[in-house]
């Protein structure tokens, strides 16, 4: 049930947040010497004006397919790990979230590589004159044919560094907030509370690992146009600091945080409400994912 809930929640999150993600990637990887965009809102306006509204949804195929499975893995692994740990505590929520984050990198990294390459394709053009990639699958196949397995896993280390602690913070924040807000199924304000807790969890997660995401995006976009600028993670960090200073690691942060709240509010609320609805037949009255089985195993553990 955790896997199915994650699928539905992931699809809801992608539809809400992909335009913000496109803006984030464009800002993260644009040239500092000749920037195309002055900031988040200028980037958004420029994409719509130059490439139409559909420009904001470039590369959505990859995350729509990938994030559906990724969220299934994340919520499924998190729920299973939490039950294995035995008690529903904040520390165990962090550990279960970190385990889920690490495992889903196998799908997340190639998916984000394809998404990034598709988002960069036809920058500034309403109708691309020359499309290197037809779609996300074609993008990954072309990269694989040129660079092999290593090519489609470009950015794996930075993805792992980002996702492992990031998902730990994600589930920890949601757990703490739902406990503090007193989320209960019979609460008339339950849905607003779930939306707030989910949105703030997404913001906390991104703030905890955002500089790593900038490096990951730059490494995955490197080579577009046939020019490779970075030899690795350390070289990317050095060059970014030398050319742009510490602000390099905050590029696109505004767009990311604007996206993080509605996306994760939709994702967590959808997952929680789906599980709550499905558990009604079993007599469950828990507002928190994965805690039903823990209640049965550990009666003393707090539940929400």
C-alpha atoms as a PDB file:
ATOM      1  CA  UNK A   1       0.000   0.000   0.000  1.00  0.00           C
ATOM      2  CA  UNK A   2       2.943   2.335   0.719  1.00  0.00           C
ATOM      3  CA  UNK A   3       4.265   1.731  -2.826  1.00  0.00           C
ATOM      4  CA  UNK A   4       0.889   2.471  -4.458  1.00  0.00           C
ATOM      5  CA  UNK A   5       0.383   5.609  -2.380  1.00  0.00           C
ATOM      6  CA  UNK A   6       3.844   6.799  -3.398  1.00  0.00           C
ATOM      7  CA  UNK A   7       3.007   6.349  -7.096  1.00  0.00           C
ATOM      8  CA  UNK A   8      -0.119   8.486  -6.856  1.00  0.00           C
ATOM      9  CA  UNK A   9       1.584  11.124  -4.721  1.00  0.00           C
ATOM     10  CA  UNK A  10       4.539  11.310  -7.117  1.00  0.00           C
ATOM     11  CA  UNK A  11       2.337  11.938 -10.157  1.00  0.00           C
ATOM     12  CA  UNK A  12       0.507  14.738  -8.328  1.00  0.00           C
ATOM     13  CA  UNK A  13       3.801  16.339  -7.346  1.00  0.00           C
ATOM     14  CA  UNK A  14       5.245  16.293 -10.897  1.00  0.00           C
ATOM     15  CA  UNK A  15       2.215  17.994 -12.429  1.00  0.00           C
ATOM     16  CA  UNK A  16       2.353  20.779  -9.853  1.00  0.00           C
ATOM     17  CA  UNK A  17       6.097  21.370  -9.791  1.00  0.00           C
ATOM     18  CA  UNK A  18       7.740  20.677 -13.173  1.00  0.00           C
ATOM     19  CA  UNK A  19       7.611  24.302 -14.481  1.00  0.00           C
ATOM     20  CA  UNK A  20       9.504  25.475 -11.380  1.00  0.00           C
ATOM     21  CA  UNK A  21      12.061  22.726 -11.910  1.00  0.00           C
ATOM     22  CA  UNK A  22      12.684  23.834 -15.488  1.00  0.00           C
ATOM     23  CA  UNK A  23      13.356  27.389 -14.283  1.00  0.00           C
ATOM     24  CA  UNK A  24      15.672  26.070 -11.557  1.00  0.00           C
ATOM     25  CA  UNK A  25      17.779  24.050 -13.993  1.00  0.00           C
ATOM     26  CA  UNK A  26      18.049  26.909 -16.516  1.00  0.00           C
ATOM     27  CA  UNK A  27      19.278  29.260 -13.775  1.00  0.00           C
ATOM     28  CA  UNK A  28      21.707  26.729 -12.326  1.00  0.00           C
ATOM     29  CA  UNK A  29      23.525  25.986 -15.566  1.00  0.00           C
ATOM     30  CA  UNK A  30      23.397  29.287 -17.485  1.00  0.00           C
ATOM     31  CA  UNK A  31      26.695  30.964 -18.355  1.00  0.00           C
ATOM     32  CA  UNK A  32      27.831  33.522 -15.787  1.00  0.00           C
ATOM     33  CA  UNK A  33      29.667  35.494 -18.509  1.00  0.00           C
ATOM     34  CA  UNK A  34      26.584  35.759 -20.758  1.00  0.00           C
ATOM     35  CA  UNK A  35      23.523  35.047 -18.593  1.00  0.00           C
ATOM     36  CA  UNK A  36      20.217  34.682 -20.392  1.00  0.00           C
ATOM     37  CA  UNK A  37      18.092  35.307 -17.311  1.00  0.00           C
ATOM     38  CA  UNK A  38      18.244  37.957 -14.569  1.00  0.00           C
ATOM     39  CA  UNK A  39      16.399  35.897 -12.002  1.00  0.00           C
ATOM     40  CA  UNK A  40      13.562  33.459 -11.312  1.00  0.00           C
ATOM     41  CA  UNK A  41      10.656  35.544 -12.582  1.00  0.00           C
ATOM     42  CA  UNK A  42      12.569  36.824 -15.623  1.00  0.00           C
ATOM     43  CA  UNK A  43      13.487  33.241 -16.499  1.00  0.00           C
ATOM     44  CA  UNK A  44       9.857  32.155 -16.161  1.00  0.00           C
ATOM     45  CA  UNK A  45       8.631  35.028 -18.350  1.00  0.00           C
ATOM     46  CA  UNK A  46      11.363  34.472 -20.946  1.00  0.00           C
ATOM     47  CA  UNK A  47      10.593  30.766 -21.339  1.00  0.00           C
ATOM     48  CA  UNK A  48       6.869  31.438 -21.784  1.00  0.00           C
ATOM     49  CA  UNK A  49       7.510  34.299 -24.248  1.00  0.00           C
ATOM     50  CA  UNK A  50      10.203  32.563 -26.296  1.00  0.00           C
ATOM     51  CA  UNK A  51       9.164  28.906 -26.057  1.00  0.00           C
ATOM     52  CA  UNK A  52       5.452  29.089 -25.068  1.00  0.00           C
ATOM     53  CA  UNK A  53       3.931  27.503 -21.966  1.00  0.00           C
ATOM     54  CA  UNK A  54       5.042  24.110 -23.238  1.00  0.00           C
ATOM     55  CA  UNK A  55       8.633  25.230 -22.728  1.00  0.00           C
ATOM     56  CA  UNK A  56       8.063  25.006 -18.986  1.00  0.00           C
ATOM     57  CA  UNK A  57       7.124  21.341 -19.357  1.00  0.00           C
ATOM     58  CA  UNK A  58      10.145  20.259 -21.395  1.00  0.00           C
ATOM     59  CA  UNK A  59      11.472  16.956 -20.107  1.00  0.00           C
ATOM     60  CA  UNK A  60       8.336  16.132 -18.087  1.00  0.00           C
ATOM     61  CA  UNK A  61       8.186  12.620 -19.534  1.00  0.00           C
ATOM     62  CA  UNK A  62      11.225  11.481 -17.601  1.00  0.00           C
ATOM     63  CA  UNK A  63      10.098  12.665 -14.134  1.00  0.00           C
ATOM     64  CA  UNK A  64       6.473  11.650 -14.745  1.00  0.00           C
ATOM     65  CA  UNK A  65       7.582   8.084 -15.369  1.00  0.00           C
ATOM     66  CA  UNK A  66      10.557   8.152 -13.034  1.00  0.00           C
ATOM     67  CA  UNK A  67       9.110  10.001 -10.057  1.00  0.00           C
ATOM     68  CA  UNK A  68       6.091   7.738 -10.023  1.00  0.00           C
ATOM     69  CA  UNK A  69       8.414   4.781  -9.410  1.00  0.00           C
ATOM     70  CA  UNK A  70      10.782   6.833  -7.262  1.00  0.00           C
ATOM     71  CA  UNK A  71       8.016   7.852  -4.865  1.00  0.00           C
ATOM     72  CA  UNK A  72       6.797   4.273  -4.800  1.00  0.00           C
ATOM     73  CA  UNK A  73      10.320   3.197  -3.805  1.00  0.00           C
ATOM     74  CA  UNK A  74      10.760   6.059  -1.313  1.00  0.00           C
ATOM     75  CA  UNK A  75       7.515   5.548   0.588  1.00  0.00           C
ATOM     76  CA  UNK A  76       7.708   1.763   0.286  1.00  0.00           C
ATOM     77  CA  UNK A  77      11.304   1.515   1.556  1.00  0.00           C
ATOM     78  CA  UNK A  78      10.731   4.169   4.217  1.00  0.00           C
ATOM     79  CA  UNK A  79       7.683   2.335   5.538  1.00  0.00           C
ATOM     80  CA  UNK A  80       9.423  -1.050   5.479  1.00  0.00           C
ATOM     81  CA  UNK A  81      12.578   0.306   7.151  1.00  0.00           C
ATOM     82  CA  UNK A  82      10.571   2.066   9.831  1.00  0.00           C
ATOM     83  CA  UNK A  83       8.749  -1.143  10.647  1.00  0.00           C
ATOM     84  CA  UNK A  84      12.064  -3.030  10.794  1.00  0.00           C
ATOM     85  CA  UNK A  85      13.487  -0.444  13.205  1.00  0.00           C
ATOM     86  CA  UNK A  86      10.580  -1.212  15.509  1.00  0.00           C
ATOM     87  CA  UNK A  87       9.595   2.187  16.929  1.00  0.00           C
ATOM     88  CA  UNK A  88       8.119   5.285  15.311  1.00  0.00           C
ATOM     89  CA  UNK A  89      10.551   7.905  16.669  1.00  0.00           C
ATOM     90  CA  UNK A  90      11.997  11.039  15.005  1.00  0.00           C
ATOM     91  CA  UNK A  91      15.461   9.426  14.851  1.00  0.00           C
ATOM     92  CA  UNK A  92      14.049   6.332  13.151  1.00  0.00           C
ATOM     93  CA  UNK A  93      12.085   8.529  10.747  1.00  0.00           C
ATOM     94  CA  UNK A  94      15.378  10.156   9.706  1.00  0.00           C
ATOM     95  CA  UNK A  95      17.162   6.817   9.284  1.00  0.00           C
ATOM     96  CA  UNK A  96      14.275   5.282   7.320  1.00  0.00           C
ATOM     97  CA  UNK A  97      14.099   8.353   5.087  1.00  0.00           C
ATOM     98  CA  UNK A  98      17.869   8.300   4.489  1.00  0.00           C
ATOM     99  CA  UNK A  99      17.732   4.616   3.506  1.00  0.00           C
ATOM    100  CA  UNK A 100      14.898   5.317   1.084  1.00  0.00           C
ATOM    101  CA  UNK A 101      16.790   8.279  -0.397  1.00  0.00           C
ATOM    102  CA  UNK A 102      19.934   6.224  -1.001  1.00  0.00           C
ATOM    103  CA  UNK A 103      18.118   3.322  -2.695  1.00  0.00           C
ATOM    104  CA  UNK A 104      16.038   5.439  -5.071  1.00  0.00           C
ATOM    105  CA  UNK A 105      19.188   7.058  -6.534  1.00  0.00           C
ATOM    106  CA  UNK A 106      19.433   4.101  -8.928  1.00  0.00           C
ATOM    107  CA  UNK A 107      16.410   5.465 -10.806  1.00  0.00           C
ATOM    108  CA  UNK A 108      16.669   9.116  -9.798  1.00  0.00           C
ATOM    109  CA  UNK A 109      20.105   9.793 -11.300  1.00  0.00           C
ATOM    110  CA  UNK A 110      19.451   8.653 -14.924  1.00  0.00           C
ATOM    111  CA  UNK A 111      15.984  10.226 -14.793  1.00  0.00           C
ATOM    112  CA  UNK A 112      17.365  13.613 -13.737  1.00  0.00           C
ATOM    113  CA  UNK A 113      20.127  13.389 -16.344  1.00  0.00           C
ATOM    114  CA  UNK A 114      17.526  12.970 -19.107  1.00  0.00           C
ATOM    115  CA  UNK A 115      15.336  15.685 -17.604  1.00  0.00           C
ATOM    116  CA  UNK A 116      18.224  18.152 -17.425  1.00  0.00           C
ATOM    117  CA  UNK A 117      19.357  17.479 -21.004  1.00  0.00           C
ATOM    118  CA  UNK A 118      15.778  17.850 -22.292  1.00  0.00           C
ATOM    119  CA  UNK A 119      15.245  21.068 -20.324  1.00  0.00           C
ATOM    120  CA  UNK A 120      18.398  22.580 -21.851  1.00  0.00           C
ATOM    121  CA  UNK A 121      17.421  21.607 -25.384  1.00  0.00           C
ATOM    122  CA  UNK A 122      16.218  24.521 -27.530  1.00  0.00           C
ATOM    123  CA  UNK A 123      16.920  27.179 -24.910  1.00  0.00           C
ATOM    124  CA  UNK A 124      15.461  30.484 -26.094  1.00  0.00           C
ATOM    125  CA  UNK A 125      13.717  28.972 -29.142  1.00  0.00           C
ATOM    126  CA  UNK A 126       9.953  28.827 -29.561  1.00  0.00           C
ATOM    127  CA  UNK A 127      10.381  25.933 -31.959  1.00  0.00           C
ATOM    128  CA  UNK A 128      13.680  24.108 -31.836  1.00  0.00           C
ATOM    129  CA  UNK A 129      15.393  24.144 -35.216  1.00  0.00           C
ATOM    130  CA  UNK A 130      17.410  21.055 -34.387  1.00  0.00           C
ATOM    131  CA  UNK A 131      16.374  18.568 -31.735  1.00  0.00           C
ATOM    132  CA  UNK A 132      19.179  16.385 -30.498  1.00  0.00           C
ATOM    133  CA  UNK A 133      16.796  14.239 -28.436  1.00  0.00           C
ATOM    134  CA  UNK A 134      13.254  13.219 -29.403  1.00  0.00           C
ATOM    135  CA  UNK A 135      12.212  12.424 -25.846  1.00  0.00           C
ATOM    136  CA  UNK A 136      13.628  11.333 -22.491  1.00  0.00           C
ATOM    137  CA  UNK A 137      14.038   7.680 -23.496  1.00  0.00           C
ATOM    138  CA  UNK A 138      15.788   8.648 -26.728  1.00  0.00           C
ATOM    139  CA  UNK A 139      18.044  10.953 -24.684  1.00  0.00           C
ATOM    140  CA  UNK A 140      19.155   8.136 -22.367  1.00  0.00           C
ATOM    141  CA  UNK A 141      19.645   5.719 -25.293  1.00  0.00           C
ATOM    142  CA  UNK A 142      21.860   8.218 -27.129  1.00  0.00           C
ATOM    143  CA  UNK A 143      23.924   8.886 -24.015  1.00  0.00           C
ATOM    144  CA  UNK A 144      24.258   5.142 -23.405  1.00  0.00           C
ATOM    145  CA  UNK A 145      25.372   4.505 -26.990  1.00  0.00           C
ATOM    146  CA  UNK A 146      28.056   7.192 -26.693  1.00  0.00           C
ATOM    147  CA  UNK A 147      29.212   6.773 -23.085  1.00  0.00           C
ATOM    148  CA  UNK A 148      27.842   3.455 -21.845  1.00  0.00           C
ATOM    149  CA  UNK A 149      26.525   2.756 -18.336  1.00  0.00           C
ATOM    150  CA  UNK A 150      28.861   5.351 -16.843  1.00  0.00           C
ATOM    151  CA  UNK A 151      27.339   8.010 -19.072  1.00  0.00           C
ATOM    152  CA  UNK A 152      23.732   7.452 -18.012  1.00  0.00           C
ATOM    153  CA  UNK A 153      24.849   7.462 -14.370  1.00  0.00           C
ATOM    154  CA  UNK A 154      26.639  10.809 -14.652  1.00  0.00           C
ATOM    155  CA  UNK A 155      26.166  12.654 -11.362  1.00  0.00           C
ATOM    156  CA  UNK A 156      25.457   9.503  -9.314  1.00  0.00           C
ATOM    157  CA  UNK A 157      27.825  10.434  -6.474  1.00  0.00           C
ATOM    158  CA  UNK A 158      26.366  13.927  -6.072  1.00  0.00           C
ATOM    159  CA  UNK A 159      22.848  12.485  -6.305  1.00  0.00           C
ATOM    160  CA  UNK A 160      23.676  10.048  -3.487  1.00  0.00           C
ATOM    161  CA  UNK A 161      25.212  12.824  -1.360  1.00  0.00           C
ATOM    162  CA  UNK A 162      22.087  14.935  -1.915  1.00  0.00           C
ATOM    163  CA  UNK A 163      19.362  12.324  -1.544  1.00  0.00           C
ATOM    164  CA  UNK A 164      20.555  10.351   1.497  1.00  0.00           C
ATOM    165  CA  UNK A 165      20.521  13.163   4.098  1.00  0.00           C
ATOM    166  CA  UNK A 166      17.884  15.097   2.130  1.00  0.00           C
ATOM    167  CA  UNK A 167      15.230  12.393   2.495  1.00  0.00           C
ATOM    168  CA  UNK A 168      16.210  11.885   6.124  1.00  0.00           C
ATOM    169  CA  UNK A 169      15.450  15.554   6.797  1.00  0.00           C
ATOM    170  CA  UNK A 170      12.309  15.258   4.656  1.00  0.00           C
ATOM    171  CA  UNK A 171      10.643  12.526   6.715  1.00  0.00           C
ATOM    172  CA  UNK A 172      12.000  13.822  10.025  1.00  0.00           C
ATOM    173  CA  UNK A 173      10.485  17.282   9.415  1.00  0.00           C
ATOM    174  CA  UNK A 174       7.134  15.822   8.387  1.00  0.00           C
ATOM    175  CA  UNK A 175       7.077  13.598  11.461  1.00  0.00           C
ATOM    176  CA  UNK A 176       7.919  16.456  13.855  1.00  0.00           C
ATOM    177  CA  UNK A 177       5.428  18.875  12.294  1.00  0.00           C
ATOM    178  CA  UNK A 178       2.520  16.420  12.208  1.00  0.00           C
ATOM    179  CA  UNK A 179       3.164  15.591  15.864  1.00  0.00           C
ATOM    180  CA  UNK A 180       3.312  19.259  16.847  1.00  0.00           C
ATOM    181  CA  UNK A 181       0.250  20.204  14.803  1.00  0.00           C
ATOM    182  CA  UNK A 182      -1.760  17.366  16.309  1.00  0.00           C
ATOM    183  CA  UNK A 183      -2.925  15.837  13.047  1.00  0.00           C
ATOM    184  CA  UNK A 184      -5.903  13.533  13.660  1.00  0.00           C
ATOM    185  CA  UNK A 185      -8.322  11.964  11.124  1.00  0.00           C
ATOM    186  CA  UNK A 186     -11.360  13.593  12.771  1.00  0.00           C
ATOM    187  CA  UNK A 187      -9.732  17.056  12.800  1.00  0.00           C
ATOM    188  CA  UNK A 188     -11.629  19.479  10.522  1.00  0.00           C
ATOM    189  CA  UNK A 189      -8.298  21.173   9.728  1.00  0.00           C
ATOM    190  CA  UNK A 190      -6.483  17.922   8.956  1.00  0.00           C
ATOM    191  CA  UNK A 191      -5.962  18.593   5.226  1.00  0.00           C
ATOM    192  CA  UNK A 192      -4.514  22.130   5.688  1.00  0.00           C
ATOM    193  CA  UNK A 193      -2.215  20.725   8.372  1.00  0.00           C
ATOM    194  CA  UNK A 194      -1.047  17.920   6.084  1.00  0.00           C
ATOM    195  CA  UNK A 195      -0.441  20.382   3.249  1.00  0.00           C
ATOM    196  CA  UNK A 196       1.551  22.692   5.526  1.00  0.00           C
ATOM    197  CA  UNK A 197       3.622  19.861   7.012  1.00  0.00           C
ATOM    198  CA  UNK A 198       4.346  18.374   3.580  1.00  0.00           C
ATOM    199  CA  UNK A 199       5.273  21.736   2.061  1.00  0.00           C
ATOM    200  CA  UNK A 200       7.607  22.686   4.907  1.00  0.00           C
ATOM    201  CA  UNK A 201       9.212  19.230   4.768  1.00  0.00           C
ATOM    202  CA  UNK A 202      10.089  19.823   1.127  1.00  0.00           C
ATOM    203  CA  UNK A 203      11.587  23.241   1.896  1.00  0.00           C
ATOM    204  CA  UNK A 204      13.661  21.885   4.800  1.00  0.00           C
ATOM    205  CA  UNK A 205      14.946  19.016   2.665  1.00  0.00           C
ATOM    206  CA  UNK A 206      16.060  21.299  -0.178  1.00  0.00           C
ATOM    207  CA  UNK A 207      17.699  23.838   2.127  1.00  0.00           C
ATOM    208  CA  UNK A 208      19.752  21.064   3.739  1.00  0.00           C
ATOM    209  CA  UNK A 209      21.334  19.879   0.462  1.00  0.00           C
ATOM    210  CA  UNK A 210      20.831  22.575  -2.182  1.00  0.00           C
ATOM    211  CA  UNK A 211      24.517  23.371  -2.954  1.00  0.00           C
ATOM    212  CA  UNK A 212      25.036  19.700  -3.855  1.00  0.00           C
ATOM    213  CA  UNK A 213      22.097  19.919  -6.272  1.00  0.00           C
ATOM    214  CA  UNK A 214      23.740  22.831  -8.093  1.00  0.00           C
ATOM    215  CA  UNK A 215      26.901  20.779  -8.619  1.00  0.00           C
ATOM    216  CA  UNK A 216      24.831  17.785  -9.767  1.00  0.00           C
ATOM    217  CA  UNK A 217      22.943  19.877 -12.342  1.00  0.00           C
ATOM    218  CA  UNK A 218      26.159  21.381 -13.699  1.00  0.00           C
ATOM    219  CA  UNK A 219      27.804  17.994 -14.053  1.00  0.00           C
ATOM    220  CA  UNK A 220      24.755  16.496 -15.769  1.00  0.00           C
ATOM    221  CA  UNK A 221      24.423  19.459 -18.158  1.00  0.00           C
ATOM    222  CA  UNK A 222      28.152  19.384 -18.900  1.00  0.00           C
ATOM    223  CA  UNK A 223      28.845  18.259 -22.453  1.00  0.00           C
ATOM    224  CA  UNK A 224      25.675  19.756 -23.960  1.00  0.00           C
ATOM    225  CA  UNK A 225      26.887  21.317 -27.207  1.00  0.00           C
ATOM    226  CA  UNK A 226      29.912  19.035 -27.309  1.00  0.00           C
ATOM    227  CA  UNK A 227      32.027  20.941 -24.781  1.00  0.00           C
ATOM    228  CA  UNK A 228      33.028  19.377 -21.448  1.00  0.00           C
ATOM    229  CA  UNK A 229      33.963  21.980 -18.845  1.00  0.00           C
ATOM    230  CA  UNK A 230      34.412  19.896 -15.691  1.00  0.00           C
ATOM    231  CA  UNK A 231      36.613  16.894 -14.981  1.00  0.00           C
ATOM    232  CA  UNK A 232      34.738  15.924 -11.813  1.00  0.00           C
ATOM    233  CA  UNK A 233      32.995  17.081  -8.649  1.00  0.00           C
ATOM    234  CA  UNK A 234      36.001  18.835  -7.096  1.00  0.00           C
ATOM    235  CA  UNK A 235      36.829  20.611 -10.368  1.00  0.00           C
ATOM    236  CA  UNK A 236      33.208  21.770 -10.720  1.00  0.00           C
ATOM    237  CA  UNK A 237      33.251  23.169  -7.169  1.00  0.00           C
ATOM    238  CA  UNK A 238      36.586  24.944  -7.761  1.00  0.00           C
ATOM    239  CA  UNK A 239      35.567  26.488 -11.074  1.00  0.00           C
ATOM    240  CA  UNK A 240      32.178  27.581  -9.758  1.00  0.00           C
ATOM    241  CA  UNK A 241      33.752  29.255  -6.709  1.00  0.00           C
ATOM    242  CA  UNK A 242      36.464  30.935  -8.756  1.00  0.00           C
ATOM    243  CA  UNK A 243      34.080  32.387 -11.352  1.00  0.00           C
ATOM    244  CA  UNK A 244      30.996  33.144  -9.255  1.00  0.00           C
ATOM    245  CA  UNK A 245      31.861  32.941  -5.570  1.00  0.00           C
ATOM    246  CA  UNK A 246      29.618  31.311  -2.979  1.00  0.00           C
ATOM    247  CA  UNK A 247      26.500  32.635  -4.704  1.00  0.00           C
ATOM    248  CA  UNK A 248      27.032  29.959  -7.352  1.00  0.00           C
ATOM    249  CA  UNK A 249      25.602  27.433  -4.907  1.00  0.00           C
ATOM    250  CA  UNK A 250      22.351  29.350  -4.434  1.00  0.00           C
ATOM    251  CA  UNK A 251      21.478  29.785  -8.117  1.00  0.00           C
ATOM    252  CA  UNK A 252      17.877  28.769  -8.729  1.00  0.00           C
ATOM    253  CA  UNK A 253      17.118  28.502  -4.993  1.00  0.00           C
ATOM    254  CA  UNK A 254      14.107  30.828  -5.169  1.00  0.00           C
ATOM    255  CA  UNK A 255      12.525  28.758  -7.927  1.00  0.00           C
ATOM    256  CA  UNK A 256      13.308  25.563  -6.028  1.00  0.00           C
ATOM    257  CA  UNK A 257      11.665  26.759  -2.801  1.00  0.00           C
ATOM    258  CA  UNK A 258       8.644  28.113  -4.686  1.00  0.00           C
ATOM    259  CA  UNK A 259       8.325  24.660  -6.225  1.00  0.00           C
ATOM    260  CA  UNK A 260       9.133  22.688  -3.077  1.00  0.00           C
ATOM    261  CA  UNK A 261       6.136  23.809  -1.027  1.00  0.00           C
ATOM    262  CA  UNK A 262       3.251  22.998  -3.426  1.00  0.00           C
ATOM    263  CA  UNK A 263       4.917  19.850  -4.808  1.00  0.00           C
ATOM    264  CA  UNK A 264       5.585  18.264  -1.436  1.00  0.00           C
ATOM    265  CA  UNK A 265       2.336  19.517   0.043  1.00  0.00           C
ATOM    266  CA  UNK A 266       0.515  17.724  -2.790  1.00  0.00           C
ATOM    267  CA  UNK A 267       2.705  14.623  -2.529  1.00  0.00           C
ATOM    268  CA  UNK A 268       2.513  14.075   1.225  1.00  0.00           C
ATOM    269  CA  UNK A 269      -1.175  15.006   1.505  1.00  0.00           C
ATOM    270  CA  UNK A 270      -2.061  12.648  -1.372  1.00  0.00           C
ATOM    271  CA  UNK A 271      -0.031   9.782   0.117  1.00  0.00           C
ATOM    272  CA  UNK A 272      -1.399  10.301   3.633  1.00  0.00           C
ATOM    273  CA  UNK A 273      -5.039  10.681   2.590  1.00  0.00           C
ATOM    274  CA  UNK A 274      -4.814   7.655   0.286  1.00  0.00           C
ATOM    275  CA  UNK A 275      -3.390   5.481   3.067  1.00  0.00           C
ATOM    276  CA  UNK A 276      -5.931   6.837   5.549  1.00  0.00           C
ATOM    277  CA  UNK A 277      -8.781   6.011   3.176  1.00  0.00           C
ATOM    278  CA  UNK A 278      -7.451   2.510   2.490  1.00  0.00           C
ATOM    279  CA  UNK A 279      -6.973   1.814   6.198  1.00  0.00           C
ATOM    280  CA  UNK A 280     -10.541   2.736   7.083  1.00  0.00           C
ATOM    281  CA  UNK A 281     -11.620  -0.747   6.041  1.00  0.00           C
ATOM    282  CA  UNK A 282      -9.012  -2.161   8.450  1.00  0.00           C
ATOM    283  CA  UNK A 283     -10.097   0.074  11.314  1.00  0.00           C
ATOM    284  CA  UNK A 284      -6.923   2.177  11.082  1.00  0.00           C
ATOM    285  CA  UNK A 285      -7.028   5.808  12.176  1.00  0.00           C
ATOM    286  CA  UNK A 286      -3.486   6.893  11.551  1.00  0.00           C
ATOM    287  CA  UNK A 287      -2.534  10.087   9.737  1.00  0.00           C
ATOM    288  CA  UNK A 288       1.104   9.177   9.209  1.00  0.00           C
ATOM    289  CA  UNK A 289       2.451   6.916   6.437  1.00  0.00           C
ATOM    290  CA  UNK A 290       3.823   3.565   7.562  1.00  0.00           C
ATOM    291  CA  UNK A 291       2.762   3.869  11.192  1.00  0.00           C
ATOM    292  CA  UNK A 292      -0.205   1.437  11.112  1.00  0.00           C
ATOM    293  CA  UNK A 293       1.993  -1.674  11.307  1.00  0.00           C
ATOM    294  CA  UNK A 294       4.130  -0.073  13.973  1.00  0.00           C
ATOM    295  CA  UNK A 295       1.064   0.464  16.124  1.00  0.00           C
ATOM    296  CA  UNK A 296       0.353  -3.225  15.966  1.00  0.00           C
ATOM    297  CA  UNK A 297       3.964  -4.144  16.814  1.00  0.00           C
ATOM    298  CA  UNK A 298       4.687  -1.375  19.348  1.00  0.00           C
ATOM    299  CA  UNK A 299       1.562  -0.252  21.235  1.00  0.00           C
ATOM    300  CA  UNK A 300       3.645   2.267  23.231  1.00  0.00           C
ATOM    301  CA  UNK A 301       4.869   4.144  20.133  1.00  0.00           C
ATOM    302  CA  UNK A 302       3.186   7.491  19.538  1.00  0.00           C
ATOM    303  CA  UNK A 303       0.846   7.652  16.561  1.00  0.00           C
ATOM    304  CA  UNK A 304      -0.712  10.481  14.638  1.00  0.00           C
END
